[in-house]
Amino acid sequence: LREFQSGDLPVLIATDVASRGLHVPDVSHVINYDLPQDPEDYVHRIGRTARAGASGDAISFACETYAFTLPEIEKFIGHRIPMGAIDVGD
């Protein structure tokens, strides 16, 4: 964690514990490997970016199994999340 905070480590892979329990300044991107089932967890995850007026991006991957939570998340945050498909080939 110290190496990530100092910039020596460019990427940090974490669980939901990091979204609620750790203060890590200057996070520019959050990538959700899957969508959480609880909309509040989504807000806590992406809330790692754009703190104190900074900008940041959140990218979320969702398979058919986890995509069912998207409408509930959008309702909770009050806007639609832009979507796109990824062609994984054969």
Protein backbone atom coordinates (compact mmCIF):
# COMPACT_ATOMS: atom_id res chain seq x y z
CA LEU A 1 0.00 0.00 0.00
CA ARG A 2 2.84 2.39 0.82
CA GLU A 3 4.41 1.72 -2.58
CA PHE A 4 1.11 2.54 -4.32
CA GLN A 5 0.65 5.72 -2.30
CA SER A 6 4.20 6.84 -3.07
CA GLY A 7 3.78 6.14 -6.79
CA ASP A 8 6.35 3.34 -6.88
CA LEU A 9 3.58 0.82 -7.66
CA PRO A 10 1.29 2.00 -10.48
CA VAL A 11 -1.59 -0.45 -9.86
CA LEU A 12 -3.26 -1.67 -6.69
CA ILE A 13 -5.62 -4.65 -6.73
CA ALA A 14 -7.97 -4.63 -3.76
CA THR A 15 -11.20 -5.94 -2.31
CA ASP A 16 -14.15 -3.89 -1.06
CA VAL A 17 -12.25 -3.37 2.20
CA ALA A 18 -10.10 -0.80 0.40
CA SER A 19 -13.17 1.09 -0.80
CA ARG A 20 -14.38 1.73 2.73
CA GLY A 21 -11.47 1.40 5.09
CA LEU A 22 -8.46 2.97 3.41
CA HIS A 23 -7.75 6.56 2.50
CA VAL A 24 -5.66 6.61 -0.66
CA PRO A 25 -5.37 10.07 -2.23
CA ASP A 26 -4.95 10.79 -5.94
CA VAL A 27 -6.55 7.65 -7.38
CA SER A 28 -7.16 8.40 -11.06
CA HIS A 29 -8.93 5.18 -12.08
CA VAL A 30 -11.02 2.46 -10.48
CA ILE A 31 -11.71 -0.68 -12.48
CA ASN A 32 -14.46 -2.97 -11.24
CA TYR A 33 -13.84 -6.51 -12.42
CA ASP A 34 -17.50 -7.15 -11.67
CA LEU A 35 -20.37 -5.03 -10.42
CA PRO A 36 -21.18 -5.27 -6.74
CA GLN A 37 -24.64 -6.49 -5.73
CA ASP A 38 -25.14 -3.50 -3.42
CA PRO A 39 -25.36 -0.03 -5.03
CA GLU A 40 -23.73 1.55 -1.97
CA ASP A 41 -20.68 -0.67 -2.51
CA TYR A 42 -20.47 0.65 -6.08
CA VAL A 43 -20.48 4.24 -4.80
CA HIS A 44 -17.78 3.45 -2.26
CA ARG A 45 -15.64 1.74 -4.90
CA ILE A 46 -15.80 4.50 -7.48
CA GLY A 47 -15.58 7.12 -4.75
CA ARG A 48 -11.85 6.40 -4.56
CA THR A 49 -11.52 8.66 -7.63
CA ALA A 50 -12.39 12.32 -7.98
CA ARG A 51 -11.92 13.26 -4.34
CA ALA A 52 -11.68 16.89 -3.28
CA GLY A 53 -12.49 18.20 -6.75
CA ALA A 54 -10.04 15.96 -8.60
CA SER A 55 -11.13 14.08 -11.71
CA GLY A 56 -11.16 10.35 -12.16
CA ASP A 57 -12.61 7.51 -14.18
CA ALA A 58 -14.42 4.35 -13.18
CA ILE A 59 -14.64 1.42 -15.57
CA SER A 60 -16.80 -1.58 -14.73
CA PHE A 61 -16.89 -4.96 -16.39
CA ALA A 62 -20.06 -7.01 -16.03
CA CYS A 63 -21.00 -10.40 -17.36
CA GLU A 64 -24.64 -11.47 -17.74
CA THR A 65 -24.58 -12.81 -14.19
CA TYR A 66 -23.64 -9.49 -12.57
CA ALA A 67 -25.21 -7.02 -15.03
CA PHE A 68 -28.63 -7.49 -13.40
CA THR A 69 -27.57 -5.05 -10.66
CA LEU A 70 -26.92 -2.21 -13.12
CA PRO A 71 -30.47 -0.71 -13.09
CA GLU A 72 -30.48 -0.65 -9.29
CA ILE A 73 -27.06 1.04 -9.23
CA GLU A 74 -28.19 3.63 -11.80
CA LYS A 75 -31.31 4.38 -9.78
CA PHE A 76 -29.24 4.77 -6.60
CA ILE A 77 -26.72 7.18 -8.17
CA GLY A 78 -29.36 9.09 -10.14
CA HIS A 79 -28.01 8.71 -13.65
CA ARG A 80 -27.31 6.17 -16.37
CA ILE A 81 -23.93 4.55 -16.69
CA PRO A 82 -22.62 4.53 -20.28
CA MET A 83 -22.27 1.00 -21.63
CA GLY A 84 -20.45 -0.73 -24.41
CA ALA A 85 -19.96 -4.31 -25.49
CA ILE A 86 -16.64 -6.09 -25.71
CA ASP A 87 -16.21 -8.63 -28.48
CA VAL A 88 -14.29 -11.49 -26.93
CA GLY A 89 -14.12 -13.40 -30.21
CA ASP A 90 -14.57 -17.12 -30.64
